[in-house]
PDB file of N, CA and C in Angstrom:
ATOM      1  N   MET A   1      70.678-196.653 209.620  1.00  0.00           N
ATOM      2  CA  MET A   1      69.578-198.190 208.941  1.00  0.00           C
ATOM      3  C   MET A   1      70.292-198.929 211.019  1.00  0.00           C
ATOM      4  N   PRO A   2      68.850-199.410 211.306  1.00  0.00           N
ATOM      5  CA  PRO A   2      69.529-200.130 212.547  1.00  0.00           C
ATOM      6  C   PRO A   2      69.513-201.403 212.565  1.00  0.00           C
ATOM      7  N   LYS A   3      70.350-202.233 213.060  1.00  0.00           N
ATOM      8  CA  LYS A   3      70.566-203.370 212.687  1.00  0.00           C
ATOM      9  C   LYS A   3      69.956-204.506 213.773  1.00  0.00           C
ATOM     10  N   ILE A   4      68.892-205.694 213.576  1.00  0.00           N
ATOM     11  CA  ILE A   4      68.718-206.609 213.990  1.00  0.00           C
ATOM     12  C   ILE A   4      68.937-208.085 214.159  1.00  0.00           C
ATOM     13  N   THR A   5      69.096-208.511 214.872  1.00  0.00           N
ATOM     14  CA  THR A   5      69.464-210.194 214.832  1.00  0.00           C
ATOM     15  C   THR A   5      68.209-211.075 215.531  1.00  0.00           C
ATOM     16  N   ILE A   6      68.373-212.281 214.274  1.00  0.00           N
ATOM     17  CA  ILE A   6      67.655-213.070 214.591  1.00  0.00           C
ATOM     18  C   ILE A   6      67.933-214.463 214.351  1.00  0.00           C
ATOM     19  N   ASN A   7      67.007-215.333 215.212  1.00  0.00           N
ATOM     20  CA  ASN A   7      67.541-216.485 215.198  1.00  0.00           C
ATOM     21  C   ASN A   7      66.899-217.646 214.408  1.00  0.00           C
ATOM     22  N   ILE A   8      67.153-218.311 213.597  1.00  0.00           N
ATOM     23  CA  ILE A   8      66.434-219.556 212.615  1.00  0.00           C
ATOM     24  C   ILE A   8      67.333-220.668 212.906  1.00  0.00           C
ATOM     25  N   ASP A   9      65.953-221.546 212.846  1.00  0.00           N
ATOM     26  CA  ASP A   9      66.298-223.107 212.333  1.00  0.00           C
ATOM     27  C   ASP A   9      67.787-223.019 211.824  1.00  0.00           C
ATOM     28  N   GLU A  10      68.462-224.741 211.207  1.00  0.00           N
ATOM     29  CA  GLU A  10      68.652-224.939 209.926  1.00  0.00           C
ATOM     30  C   GLU A  10      67.957-224.945 208.923  1.00  0.00           C
ATOM     31  N   GLU A  11      66.690-225.652 209.124  1.00  0.00           N
ATOM     32  CA  GLU A  11      65.664-226.352 208.410  1.00  0.00           C
ATOM     33  C   GLU A  11      65.106-225.295 207.375  1.00  0.00           C
ATOM     34  N   VAL A  12      65.035-223.877 207.841  1.00  0.00           N
ATOM     35  CA  VAL A  12      63.993-222.437 207.868  1.00  0.00           C
ATOM     36  C   VAL A  12      65.538-221.566 207.042  1.00  0.00           C
ATOM     37  N   GLU A  13      66.572-222.254 207.643  1.00  0.00           N
ATOM     38  CA  GLU A  13      67.684-220.738 206.802  1.00  0.00           C
ATOM     39  C   GLU A  13      68.010-221.634 205.506  1.00  0.00           C
ATOM     40  N   SER A  14      67.940-222.711 205.434  1.00  0.00           N
ATOM     41  CA  SER A  14      67.929-224.112 204.177  1.00  0.00           C
ATOM     42  C   SER A  14      67.306-223.570 203.009  1.00  0.00           C
ATOM     43  N   ILE A  15      65.919-223.100 203.615  1.00  0.00           N
ATOM     44  CA  ILE A  15      64.662-223.021 202.822  1.00  0.00           C
ATOM     45  C   ILE A  15      64.721-221.444 202.208  1.00  0.00           C
ATOM     46  N   LEU A  16      65.092-221.011 202.819  1.00  0.00           N
ATOM     47  CA  LEU A  16      65.418-218.790 202.861  1.00  0.00           C
ATOM     48  C   LEU A  16      66.569-219.148 201.653  1.00  0.00           C
ATOM     49  N   GLU A  17      67.984-220.303 201.911  1.00  0.00           N
ATOM     50  CA  GLU A  17      68.853-219.662 200.708  1.00  0.00           C
ATOM     51  C   GLU A  17      68.489-220.272 199.108  1.00  0.00           C
ATOM     52  N   LYS A  18      67.724-221.247 199.402  1.00  0.00           N
ATOM     53  CA  LYS A  18      67.053-221.601 198.132  1.00  0.00           C
ATOM     54  C   LYS A  18      66.442-220.695 197.440  1.00  0.00           C
ATOM     55  N   ARG A  19      65.614-220.025 198.266  1.00  0.00           N
ATOM     56  CA  ARG A  19      64.596-219.073 197.602  1.00  0.00           C
ATOM     57  C   ARG A  19      65.652-217.784 197.059  1.00  0.00           C
ATOM     58  N   ALA A  20      66.588-217.919 198.164  1.00  0.00           N
ATOM     59  CA  ALA A  20      67.046-216.224 197.403  1.00  0.00           C
ATOM     60  C   ALA A  20      68.044-216.508 196.359  1.00  0.00           C
ATOM     61  N   GLU A  21      68.424-217.999 196.276  1.00  0.00           N
ATOM     62  CA  GLU A  21      69.603-218.428 195.103  1.00  0.00           C
ATOM     63  C   GLU A  21      68.184-218.237 193.624  1.00  0.00           C
ATOM     64  N   LYS A  22      67.301-218.681 194.002  1.00  0.00           N
ATOM     65  CA  LYS A  22      66.186-218.393 192.920  1.00  0.00           C
ATOM     66  C   LYS A  22      66.251-217.018 192.263  1.00  0.00           C
ATOM     67  N   ASN A  23      66.118-216.420 193.549  1.00  0.00           N
ATOM     68  CA  ASN A  23      65.947-214.663 193.309  1.00  0.00           C
ATOM     69  C   ASN A  23      66.898-213.951 192.855  1.00  0.00           C
ATOM     70  N   LEU A  24      68.128-214.365 193.090  1.00  0.00           N
ATOM     71  CA  LEU A  24      69.336-214.089 192.374  1.00  0.00           C
ATOM     72  C   LEU A  24      69.819-212.899 193.531  1.00  0.00           C
ATOM     73  N   PHE A  25      69.027-213.642 194.948  1.00  0.00           N
ATOM     74  CA  PHE A  25      69.781-212.904 195.993  1.00  0.00           C
ATOM     75  C   PHE A  25      70.635-213.309 197.601  1.00  0.00           C
ATOM     76  N   THR A  26      71.164-212.787 198.073  1.00  0.00           N
ATOM     77  CA  THR A  26      72.374-213.013 199.290  1.00  0.00           C
ATOM     78  C   THR A  26      71.112-213.066 200.344  1.00  0.00           C
ATOM     79  N   LEU A  27      71.355-214.319 201.015  1.00  0.00           N
ATOM     80  CA  LEU A  27      70.240-214.958 202.264  1.00  0.00           C
ATOM     81  C   LEU A  27      69.562-213.439 202.790  1.00  0.00           C
ATOM     82  N   LYS A  28      70.308-212.304 203.044  1.00  0.00           N
ATOM     83  CA  LYS A  28      69.824-211.123 204.123  1.00  0.00           C
ATOM     84  C   LYS A  28      69.447-210.530 202.979  1.00  0.00           C
ATOM     85  N   GLU A  29      69.877-210.012 201.888  1.00  0.00           N
ATOM     86  CA  GLU A  29      68.829-209.033 200.447  1.00  0.00           C
ATOM     87  C   GLU A  29      67.331-209.837 200.849  1.00  0.00           C
ATOM     88  N   GLN A  30      67.293-211.487 200.623  1.00  0.00           N
ATOM     89  CA  GLN A  30      65.868-212.539 200.886  1.00  0.00           C
ATOM     90  C   GLN A  30      64.918-211.957 202.118  1.00  0.00           C
ATOM     91  N   ILE A  31      65.632-211.662 203.218  1.00  0.00           N
ATOM     92  CA  ILE A  31      64.993-211.983 204.238  1.00  0.00           C
ATOM     93  C   ILE A  31      65.028-210.229 204.486  1.00  0.00           C
ATOM     94  N   GLU A  32      65.566-209.495 203.760  1.00  0.00           N
ATOM     95  CA  GLU A  32      65.023-207.853 204.048  1.00  0.00           C
ATOM     96  C   GLU A  32      63.832-207.737 202.628  1.00  0.00           C
ATOM     97  N   ASP A  33      63.884-208.494 201.524  1.00  0.00           N
ATOM     98  CA  ASP A  33      62.697-208.501 200.803  1.00  0.00           C
ATOM     99  C   ASP A  33      61.435-209.364 201.233  1.00  0.00           C
ATOM    100  N   ILE A  34      62.043-210.340 201.968  1.00  0.00           N
ATOM    101  CA  ILE A  34      60.506-210.559 202.368  1.00  0.00           C
ATOM    102  C   ILE A  34      60.146-209.508 203.520  1.00  0.00           C
ATOM    103  N   LEU A  35      60.685-208.487 204.613  1.00  0.00           N
ATOM    104  CA  LEU A  35      60.310-207.980 205.481  1.00  0.00           C
ATOM    105  C   LEU A  35      59.350-207.023 204.593  1.00  0.00           C
ATOM    106  N   ARG A  36      60.036-206.420 203.973  1.00  0.00           N
ATOM    107  CA  ARG A  36      59.438-204.888 203.088  1.00  0.00           C
ATOM    108  C   ARG A  36      58.173-205.128 202.288  1.00  0.00           C
ATOM    109  N   LYS A  37      58.053-206.576 201.403  1.00  0.00           N
ATOM    110  CA  LYS A  37      56.950-206.629 201.352  1.00  0.00           C
ATOM    111  C   LYS A  37      55.865-207.158 202.062  1.00  0.00           C
ATOM    112  N   SER A  38      56.469-207.436 202.644  1.00  0.00           N
ATOM    113  CA  SER A  38      55.364-207.680 204.119  1.00  0.00           C
ATOM    114  C   SER A  38      54.944-206.462 204.548  1.00  0.00           C
ATOM    115  N   ALA A  39      56.047-205.187 205.151  1.00  0.00           N
ATOM    116  CA  ALA A  39      55.232-204.234 205.103  1.00  0.00           C
ATOM    117  C   ALA A  39      54.895-203.069 204.511  1.00  0.00           C
ATOM    118  N   VAL A  40      54.707-203.279 203.514  1.00  0.00           N
ATOM    119  CA  VAL A  40      54.065-202.631 202.639  1.00  0.00           C
ATOM    120  C   VAL A  40      52.561-203.176 202.513  1.00  0.00           C
ATOM    121  N   ARG A  41      52.618-204.298 202.338  1.00  0.00           N
ATOM    122  CA  ARG A  41      51.242-204.956 202.040  1.00  0.00           C
ATOM    123  C   ARG A  41      50.510-204.744 203.502  1.00  0.00           C
ATOM    124  N   THR A  42      51.146-205.219 204.440  1.00  0.00           N
ATOM    125  CA  THR A  42      50.712-204.578 206.043  1.00  0.00           C
ATOM    126  C   THR A  42      50.048-203.087 206.076  1.00  0.00           C
ATOM    127  N   LYS A  43      50.590-202.068 205.434  1.00  0.00           N
ATOM    128  CA  LYS A  43      50.172-200.814 205.205  1.00  0.00           C
ATOM    129  C   LYS A  43      49.355-200.500 204.146  1.00  0.00           C
ATOM    130  N   SER A  44      49.177-201.283 203.112  1.00  0.00           N
ATOM    131  CA  SER A  44      48.028-200.714 202.240  1.00  0.00           C
ATOM    132  C   SER A  44      46.114-201.359 202.600  1.00  0.00           C
ATOM    133  N   LEU A  45      46.691-202.588 204.036  1.00  0.00           N
ATOM    134  CA  LEU A  45      45.383-202.714 204.547  1.00  0.00           C
ATOM    135  C   LEU A  45      45.106-202.108 206.053  1.00  0.00           C
ATOM    136  N   GLU A  46      45.153-200.467 205.449  1.00  0.00           N
ATOM    137  CA  GLU A  46      45.432-199.834 206.867  1.00  0.00           C
ATOM    138  C   GLU A  46      43.690-199.737 207.019  1.00  0.00           C
ATOM    139  N   GLY A  47      43.041-199.782 205.477  1.00  0.00           N
ATOM    140  CA  GLY A  47      41.637-198.735 205.601  1.00  0.00           C
ATOM    141  C   GLY A  47      40.783-200.348 205.644  1.00  0.00           C
ATOM    142  N   TYR A  48      40.937-201.874 205.772  1.00  0.00           N
ATOM    143  CA  TYR A  48      40.419-203.064 206.419  1.00  0.00           C
ATOM    144  C   TYR A  48      40.156-202.716 207.831  1.00  0.00           C
ATOM    145  N   LYS A  49      39.222-203.394 208.183  1.00  0.00           N
ATOM    146  CA  LYS A  49      39.080-203.490 209.935  1.00  0.00           C
ATOM    147  C   LYS A  49      40.324-204.817 210.240  1.00  0.00           C
ATOM    148  N   LYS A  50      40.829-203.697 211.729  1.00  0.00           N
ATOM    149  CA  LYS A  50      42.080-204.105 212.367  1.00  0.00           C
ATOM    150  C   LYS A  50      41.889-205.988 212.569  1.00  0.00           C
ATOM    151  N   ILE A  51      42.886-206.409 212.788  1.00  0.00           N
ATOM    152  CA  ILE A  51      42.756-207.658 214.177  1.00  0.00           C
ATOM    153  C   ILE A  51      43.353-207.116 215.080  1.00  0.00           C
ATOM    154  N   LYS A  52      42.189-207.204 216.131  1.00  0.00           N
ATOM    155  CA  LYS A  52      42.891-207.600 217.796  1.00  0.00           C
ATOM    156  C   LYS A  52      43.881-207.972 218.471  1.00  0.00           C
ATOM    157  N   ILE A  53      44.981-207.972 218.327  1.00  0.00           N
ATOM    158  CA  ILE A  53      45.764-208.999 219.294  1.00  0.00           C
ATOM    159  C   ILE A  53      46.643-208.339 219.746  1.00  0.00           C
ATOM    160  N   ASP A  54      46.754-208.761 221.117  1.00  0.00           N
ATOM    161  CA  ASP A  54      47.840-208.124 221.855  1.00  0.00           C
ATOM    162  C   ASP A  54      49.741-208.206 221.321  1.00  0.00           C
ATOM    163  N   ASP A  55      49.659-208.960 220.754  1.00  0.00           N
ATOM    164  CA  ASP A  55      51.484-208.916 220.400  1.00  0.00           C
ATOM    165  C   ASP A  55      50.976-208.358 219.093  1.00  0.00           C
ATOM    166  N   ARG A  56      52.154-207.272 218.419  1.00  0.00           N
ATOM    167  CA  ARG A  56      52.269-205.911 217.647  1.00  0.00           C
ATOM    168  C   ARG A  56      53.408-206.803 216.429  1.00  0.00           C
ATOM    169  N   LEU A  57      54.013-208.254 217.069  1.00  0.00           N
ATOM    170  CA  LEU A  57      54.675-208.577 215.783  1.00  0.00           C
ATOM    171  C   LEU A  57      53.511-209.639 215.436  1.00  0.00           C
ATOM    172  N   VAL A  58      53.014-210.250 216.050  1.00  0.00           N
ATOM    173  CA  VAL A  58      51.978-211.526 215.521  1.00  0.00           C
ATOM    174  C   VAL A  58      51.263-210.391 214.858  1.00  0.00           C
ATOM    175  N   ALA A  59      50.510-209.483 214.959  1.00  0.00           N
ATOM    176  CA  ALA A  59      49.426-208.561 214.550  1.00  0.00           C
ATOM    177  C   ALA A  59      50.094-208.138 213.077  1.00  0.00           C
ATOM    178  N   ILE A  60      51.545-207.600 213.092  1.00  0.00           N
ATOM    179  CA  ILE A  60      51.938-207.397 211.351  1.00  0.00           C
ATOM    180  C   ILE A  60      52.229-208.597 210.467  1.00  0.00           C
ATOM    181  N   PHE A  61      52.337-209.869 211.416  1.00  0.00           N
ATOM    182  CA  PHE A  61      52.623-211.035 210.366  1.00  0.00           C
ATOM    183  C   PHE A  61      51.598-211.819 210.103  1.00  0.00           C
ATOM    184  N   SER A  62      50.240-211.407 210.685  1.00  0.00           N
ATOM    185  CA  SER A  62      49.116-212.325 210.440  1.00  0.00           C
ATOM    186  C   SER A  62      48.212-211.797 209.154  1.00  0.00           C
ATOM    187  N   ARG A  63      47.896-212.880 208.914  1.00  0.00           N
ATOM    188  CA  ARG A  63      46.571-212.282 207.687  1.00  0.00           C
ATOM    189  C   ARG A  63      44.929-212.675 208.000  1.00  0.00           C
ATOM    190  N   GLU A  64      44.083-211.552 207.617  1.00  0.00           N
ATOM    191  CA  GLU A  64      42.978-212.111 207.931  1.00  0.00           C
ATOM    192  C   GLU A  64      42.127-212.685 206.874  1.00  0.00           C
ATOM    193  N   LYS A  65      40.952-213.873 207.309  1.00  0.00           N
ATOM    194  CA  LYS A  65      40.475-214.792 205.817  1.00  0.00           C
ATOM    195  C   LYS A  65      39.662-213.672 205.446  1.00  0.00           C
ATOM    196  N   ARG A  66      39.922-213.301 204.358  1.00  0.00           N
ATOM    197  CA  ARG A  66      38.816-212.022 203.299  1.00  0.00           C
ATOM    198  C   ARG A  66      38.469-212.925 201.946  1.00  0.00           C
ATOM    199  N   GLY A  67      38.006-212.005 201.391  1.00  0.00           N
ATOM    200  CA  GLY A  67      37.521-212.867 199.909  1.00  0.00           C
ATOM    201  C   GLY A  67      36.034-213.559 200.237  1.00  0.00           C
ATOM    202  N   ARG A  68      35.748-213.881 199.136  1.00  0.00           N
ATOM    203  CA  ARG A  68      34.450-214.778 198.364  1.00  0.00           C
ATOM    204  C   ARG A  68      34.411-215.669 199.371  1.00  0.00           C
ATOM    205  N   LYS A  69      33.279-216.039 200.355  1.00  0.00           N
ATOM    206  CA  LYS A  69      33.108-217.425 201.023  1.00  0.00           C
ATOM    207  C   LYS A  69      32.909-218.245 200.397  1.00  0.00           C
ATOM    208  N   LYS A  70      33.446-219.752 200.839  1.00  0.00           N
ATOM    209  CA  LYS A  70      32.989-221.194 199.910  1.00  0.00           C
ATOM    210  C   LYS A  70      31.495-221.175 200.337  1.00  0.00           C
ATOM    211  N   LYS A  71      31.108-221.805 199.207  1.00  0.00           N
ATOM    212  CA  LYS A  71      29.940-221.969 198.546  1.00  0.00           C
ATOM    213  C   LYS A  71      29.364-224.024 199.574  1.00  0.00           C
ATOM    214  N   LYS A  72      28.616-223.941 200.235  1.00  0.00           N
ATOM    215  CA  LYS A  72      28.853-225.368 200.885  1.00  0.00           C
ATOM    216  C   LYS A  72      27.590-226.152 199.399  1.00  0.00           C
ATOM    217  N   SER A  73      28.538-227.502 199.323  1.00  0.00           N
ATOM    218  CA  SER A  73      27.717-228.059 198.330  1.00  0.00           C
ATOM    219  C   SER A  73      26.110-228.907 198.694  1.00  0.00           C
ATOM    220  N   PRO A  74      25.276-229.254 198.263  1.00  0.00           N
ATOM    221  CA  PRO A  74      23.798-229.354 198.501  1.00  0.00           C
ATOM    222  C   PRO A  74      23.988-230.868 198.694  1.00  0.00           C
ATOM    223  N   LEU A  75      23.256-231.251 199.873  1.00  0.00           N
ATOM    224  CA  LEU A  75      23.268-232.994 199.718  1.00  0.00           C
ATOM    225  C   LEU A  75      22.624-233.244 199.073  1.00  0.00           C
ATOM    226  N   ILE A  76      22.972-234.815 198.285  1.00  0.00           N
ATOM    227  CA  ILE A  76      22.262-235.338 197.462  1.00  0.00           C
ATOM    228  C   ILE A  76      21.387-236.532 198.122  1.00  0.00           C
TER     229      ILE A  76
END
């Protein structure tokens, strides 16, 4: 398994640690879980129109706006 090093600031680390504690994970396991879920979600979207973005990581972690469009309220 390849090893990857990432740098996160203290604020993000504390948020991830709280989330990991809530889910009964270590910080490393929580980050792996987030990445795994994101990869599975991205893989399941292959049938949809792709976003054309130059940066591969931005393309992987970006979401398209989909779903029902909001109704415009009539002016009274």
